[in-house]
Protein backbone atom coordinates (compact mmCIF):
# COMPACT_ATOMS: atom_id res chain seq x y z
CA UNK A 1 -4.86 9.66 19.11
CA UNK A 2 -8.54 8.73 18.55
CA UNK A 3 -10.13 5.92 17.06
CA UNK A 4 -14.01 5.41 16.31
CA UNK A 5 -15.43 1.99 15.07
CA UNK A 6 -16.95 2.00 11.78
CA UNK A 7 -16.03 -1.23 11.01
CA UNK A 8 -18.16 -3.89 13.06
CA UNK A 9 -16.20 -6.88 13.95
CA UNK A 10 -13.08 -5.59 11.99
CA UNK A 11 -12.80 -7.98 9.26
CA UNK A 12 -12.65 -6.82 5.90
CA UNK A 13 -15.71 -5.09 4.11
CA UNK A 14 -17.60 -7.33 2.24
CA UNK A 15 -17.80 -7.15 -1.55
CA UNK A 16 -14.27 -6.02 -2.44
CA UNK A 17 -12.92 -7.91 -5.52
CA UNK A 18 -9.87 -6.27 -6.35
CA UNK A 19 -7.62 -4.24 -4.43
CA UNK A 20 -4.59 -1.93 -5.47
CA UNK A 21 -1.93 -1.13 -3.23
CA UNK A 22 0.26 1.94 -3.76
CA UNK A 23 3.45 2.23 -2.34
CA UNK A 24 6.80 3.87 -2.60
CA UNK A 25 9.36 0.96 -2.23
CA UNK A 26 9.71 -2.53 -1.98
CA UNK A 27 9.08 -3.52 1.86
CA UNK A 28 6.65 -0.81 2.45
CA UNK A 29 3.60 -2.64 1.93
CA UNK A 30 4.55 -6.04 4.14
CA UNK A 31 5.76 -3.44 6.80
CA UNK A 32 2.28 -1.29 6.77
CA UNK A 33 -0.46 -3.22 5.03
CA UNK A 34 0.95 -6.76 5.20
CA UNK A 35 -2.08 -7.66 7.53
CA UNK A 36 -4.65 -6.17 5.30
CA UNK A 37 -3.24 -7.73 2.16
CA UNK A 38 -2.82 -11.19 3.79
CA UNK A 39 -6.73 -10.70 4.98
CA UNK A 40 -8.01 -9.57 1.56
CA UNK A 41 -6.56 -12.80 -0.62
CA UNK A 42 -7.82 -15.11 1.91
CA UNK A 43 -11.27 -13.65 1.21
CA UNK A 44 -10.68 -14.17 -1.99
CA UNK A 45 -9.57 -10.77 -3.44
CA UNK A 46 -7.26 -9.80 -6.02
CA UNK A 47 -4.81 -7.76 -5.17
CA UNK A 48 -2.14 -6.13 -7.08
CA UNK A 49 1.11 -3.79 -5.74
CA UNK A 50 2.19 -0.46 -7.33
CA UNK A 51 5.82 0.73 -6.38
CA UNK A 52 6.88 4.12 -7.40
CA UNK A 53 10.50 3.53 -7.13
CA UNK A 54 12.57 -0.14 -7.82
CA UNK A 55 14.35 0.60 -4.17
CA UNK A 56 17.62 1.23 -5.42
CA UNK A 57 18.54 3.01 -2.31
CA UNK A 58 17.58 0.41 0.12
CA UNK A 59 21.65 -0.66 0.00
CA UNK A 60 24.86 0.65 1.58
CA UNK A 61 27.14 -2.49 0.41
CA UNK A 62 29.69 -0.26 -1.96
CA UNK A 63 30.02 -4.11 -3.76
CA UNK A 64 26.51 -3.21 -5.31
CA UNK A 65 25.64 -1.03 -8.38
CA UNK A 66 22.31 0.01 -8.82
CA UNK A 67 21.10 -2.67 -11.15
CA UNK A 68 22.29 -5.23 -8.60
CA UNK A 69 20.60 -3.35 -5.94
CA UNK A 70 17.30 -3.23 -8.29
CA UNK A 71 17.50 -7.15 -9.09
CA UNK A 72 18.10 -7.90 -5.38
CA UNK A 73 14.84 -5.91 -4.10
CA UNK A 74 12.80 -7.02 -7.02
CA UNK A 75 13.55 -10.68 -6.04
CA UNK A 76 12.80 -9.91 -2.76
CA UNK A 77 9.45 -8.21 -3.21
CA UNK A 78 8.37 -10.97 -5.77
CA UNK A 79 8.72 -13.61 -3.05
CA UNK A 80 7.13 -11.53 -0.22
CA UNK A 81 4.08 -10.81 -2.23
CA UNK A 82 4.10 -14.45 -3.21
CA UNK A 83 3.58 -15.16 0.36
CA UNK A 84 1.14 -13.02 0.71
CA UNK A 85 -1.05 -14.22 -1.99
CA UNK A 86 0.05 -11.45 -4.56
CA UNK A 87 1.24 -12.02 -8.05
CA UNK A 88 0.64 -8.98 -10.07
CA UNK A 89 3.54 -6.45 -9.15
CA UNK A 90 3.84 -3.17 -11.25
CA UNK A 91 6.85 -0.91 -10.89
CA UNK A 92 7.41 2.70 -11.77
CA UNK A 93 10.86 4.06 -12.20
CA UNK A 94 10.95 7.29 -10.02
CA UNK A 95 14.01 8.25 -8.21
CA UNK A 96 14.38 6.28 -4.78
CA UNK A 97 14.70 9.20 -2.45
CA UNK A 98 13.41 11.88 -4.55
CA UNK A 99 10.12 11.20 -5.08
CA UNK A 100 7.58 14.20 -5.55
CA UNK A 101 3.68 14.56 -6.44
CA UNK A 102 4.01 15.30 -9.98
CA UNK A 103 2.25 14.54 -13.10
CA UNK A 104 4.15 11.59 -14.21
CA UNK A 105 3.46 9.57 -11.34
CA UNK A 106 -0.06 10.74 -10.79
CA UNK A 107 -0.43 9.42 -14.53
CA UNK A 108 1.48 6.23 -13.71
CA UNK A 109 -0.72 5.19 -10.76
CA UNK A 110 -3.98 6.29 -12.79
CA UNK A 111 -2.91 3.91 -15.52
CA UNK A 112 -2.36 1.21 -12.99
CA UNK A 113 -6.00 2.22 -11.51
CA UNK A 114 -7.51 1.95 -14.81
CA UNK A 115 -5.87 -1.38 -15.30
CA UNK A 116 -6.46 -3.13 -12.05
CA UNK A 117 -9.93 -1.31 -11.89
CA UNK A 118 -9.93 -2.12 -7.97
CA UNK A 119 -12.70 -1.46 -5.48
CA UNK A 120 -10.10 -0.01 -2.57
CA UNK A 121 -6.64 1.48 -3.00
CA UNK A 122 -4.94 1.28 0.01
CA UNK A 123 -1.84 4.40 0.21
CA UNK A 124 0.16 6.07 2.60
CA UNK A 125 -1.68 9.09 4.49
CA UNK A 126 0.31 12.10 3.40
CA UNK A 127 -0.39 14.38 6.09
CA UNK A 128 1.62 11.83 8.57
CA UNK A 129 5.09 13.85 9.03
CA UNK A 130 5.93 12.02 12.25
CA UNK A 131 5.93 8.39 13.67
CA UNK A 132 6.72 9.00 17.19
CA UNK A 133 10.18 10.08 17.10
CA UNK A 134 10.75 8.80 13.73
CA UNK A 135 10.30 11.20 10.72
CA UNK A 136 8.20 9.82 7.90
CA UNK A 137 9.89 9.04 4.75
CA UNK A 138 9.21 12.31 2.25
CA UNK A 139 8.72 9.36 -0.27
CA UNK A 140 5.86 8.10 1.69
CA UNK A 141 4.11 11.25 1.66
CA UNK A 142 4.40 12.25 -1.82
CA UNK A 143 3.02 8.74 -2.76
CA UNK A 144 0.24 9.12 -0.62
CA UNK A 145 -0.59 12.61 -2.02
CA UNK A 146 -0.35 11.50 -5.96
CA UNK A 147 -2.38 8.56 -5.08
CA UNK A 148 -5.08 10.02 -3.47
CA UNK A 149 -5.23 12.40 -6.54
CA UNK A 150 -4.99 9.72 -9.12
CA UNK A 151 -7.78 7.50 -7.40
CA UNK A 152 -10.27 10.50 -7.34
CA UNK A 153 -11.05 12.07 -9.23
CA UNK A 154 -8.56 11.62 -11.98
CA UNK A 155 -8.80 7.73 -12.76
CA UNK A 156 -12.52 8.52 -12.89
CA UNK A 157 -12.24 11.46 -15.51
CA UNK A 158 -12.11 10.84 -19.24
CA UNK A 159 -10.49 14.13 -19.48
CA UNK A 160 -7.78 13.42 -17.47
CA UNK A 161 -4.22 11.24 -18.93
CA UNK A 162 -6.83 10.73 -22.35
CA UNK A 163 -3.89 8.89 -23.79
CA UNK A 164 -5.02 5.76 -21.79
CA UNK A 165 -7.93 5.76 -23.76
CA UNK A 166 -6.22 4.66 -27.12
CA UNK A 167 -4.92 1.55 -24.97
CA UNK A 168 -8.62 0.57 -23.92
CA UNK A 169 -8.23 1.93 -20.38
CA UNK A 170 -11.19 3.58 -19.89
CA UNK A 171 -12.07 5.53 -16.52
CA UNK A 172 -12.94 3.90 -13.28
CA UNK A 173 -14.42 4.85 -9.96
CA UNK A 174 -12.68 3.49 -6.89
CA UNK A 175 -15.09 2.44 -3.85
CA UNK A 176 -12.63 3.46 -0.96
CA UNK A 177 -9.26 4.49 -0.13
CA UNK A 178 -7.59 2.95 2.69
CA UNK A 179 -4.59 5.04 4.27
CA UNK A 180 -1.93 3.28 6.23
CA UNK A 181 0.33 5.52 8.73
CA UNK A 182 -2.88 7.42 9.34
CA UNK A 183 -2.70 10.45 11.36
CA UNK A 184 -6.28 10.05 12.33
CA UNK A 185 -7.24 6.36 11.91
CA UNK A 186 -10.76 5.43 11.93
CA UNK A 187 -10.90 1.84 10.80
CA UNK A 188 -9.16 -1.10 12.34
CA UNK A 189 -8.40 -4.45 10.98
CA UNK A 190 -7.85 -7.48 13.23
CA UNK A 191 -4.85 -9.37 11.64
CA UNK A 192 -4.13 -11.82 14.85
CA UNK A 193 -4.95 -14.52 12.27
CA UNK A 194 -2.62 -13.33 9.70
CA UNK A 195 -0.06 -11.85 11.84
CA UNK A 196 2.53 -15.18 10.71
CA UNK A 197 1.99 -14.50 7.18
CA UNK A 198 2.95 -10.92 7.55
CA UNK A 199 5.95 -11.46 9.57
CA UNK A 200 7.15 -14.18 6.95
CA UNK A 201 6.56 -11.50 4.09
CA UNK A 202 8.55 -8.92 5.42
CA UNK A 203 11.38 -11.39 6.55
CA UNK A 204 11.43 -12.02 3.09
CA UNK A 205 13.24 -8.60 2.26
CA UNK A 206 16.56 -9.59 3.77
CA UNK A 207 18.94 -7.00 2.60
CA UNK A 208 16.71 -4.65 4.74
CA UNK A 209 17.75 -6.41 7.49
CA UNK A 210 14.45 -7.88 8.23
CA UNK A 211 15.76 -11.05 10.29
CA UNK A 212 12.63 -13.46 11.29
CA UNK A 213 13.22 -13.31 14.97
CA UNK A 214 13.31 -9.33 15.29
CA UNK A 215 10.58 -8.79 12.70
CA UNK A 216 7.98 -11.07 14.75
CA UNK A 217 8.83 -9.36 18.07
CA UNK A 218 8.44 -5.81 16.40
CA UNK A 219 5.05 -6.71 14.53
CA UNK A 220 3.75 -8.21 17.15
CA UNK A 221 4.73 -5.05 19.52
CA UNK A 222 3.03 -2.79 16.70
CA UNK A 223 0.12 -4.85 16.31
CA UNK A 224 -0.53 -4.85 19.84
CA UNK A 225 0.02 -0.90 20.07
CA UNK A 226 -2.85 -0.56 17.67
CA UNK A 227 -5.31 -2.66 18.89
CA UNK A 228 -8.63 -1.79 19.90
CA UNK A 229 -11.81 -3.58 21.63
CA UNK A 230 -12.64 -6.54 19.78
CA UNK A 231 -9.22 -6.70 17.74
CA UNK A 232 -6.51 -7.01 19.96
CA UNK A 233 -3.72 -7.27 17.21
CA UNK A 234 -4.69 -4.58 14.41
CA UNK A 235 -3.30 -2.55 11.89
CA UNK A 236 -5.44 0.70 11.63
CA UNK A 237 -6.63 2.97 8.33
CA UNK A 238 -8.25 6.04 7.59
CA UNK A 239 -10.97 4.90 5.70
CA UNK A 240 -12.47 7.23 3.04
CA UNK A 241 -15.31 6.19 1.10
CA UNK A 242 -15.28 7.94 -2.30
CA UNK A 243 -19.27 9.61 -2.98
CA UNK A 244 -18.63 9.66 -6.74
CA UNK A 245 -21.74 11.59 -8.19
CA UNK A 246 -24.12 9.42 -10.43
CA UNK A 247 -22.47 10.28 -13.53
CA UNK A 248 -19.25 8.81 -12.56
CA UNK A 249 -20.92 5.43 -11.78
């Protein structure tokens, strides 16, 4: 997998005031973008989360009903977000394990973009089918595809989801997309200073078997694997700078 350095110093680009992370399930963000979130909030950015599902398929405990699992995962995700400096969590209600890139999901993400008005949207790379010997979750791919379309051009186009205009949610142009779990990453963030924060946040998802010692070891291994010259421990992304026409700005 090739890597071309585009972010000298591997720091968060300047001028980011707001970011929106679009994920499929509770714990996705801590797993795959917890370092970026921690760096953004440390830099003073306001970060919001959007989840396509409530994570109701994330338990094999027969004693827990659907609403019990949702309540549990909501509590865990809220605490994990708090540890990374995030307070605003937006929830959609696609069926966990059966998410598709469809109009209702795109409209929900457009609404989130027009509400949060982020400079950057972080989401999945929808082209990533395999992670080594691990088959990437189909929900991840579907959410990534929907989020990319919702970010550009949909959220910037007043004729798309015009029902939002009555709620004073005007079109918004996002500056950048960062694709996590990218097939061809070209942008690395040095997360060495925030790896403990990422580990603590992921450990908050205890129902997913995220035990602190194992989490720390796994994240260290992942960050080392993704390290690049100048960033020994890193998260890697595909960075897409959106070239919007002047009429959309």
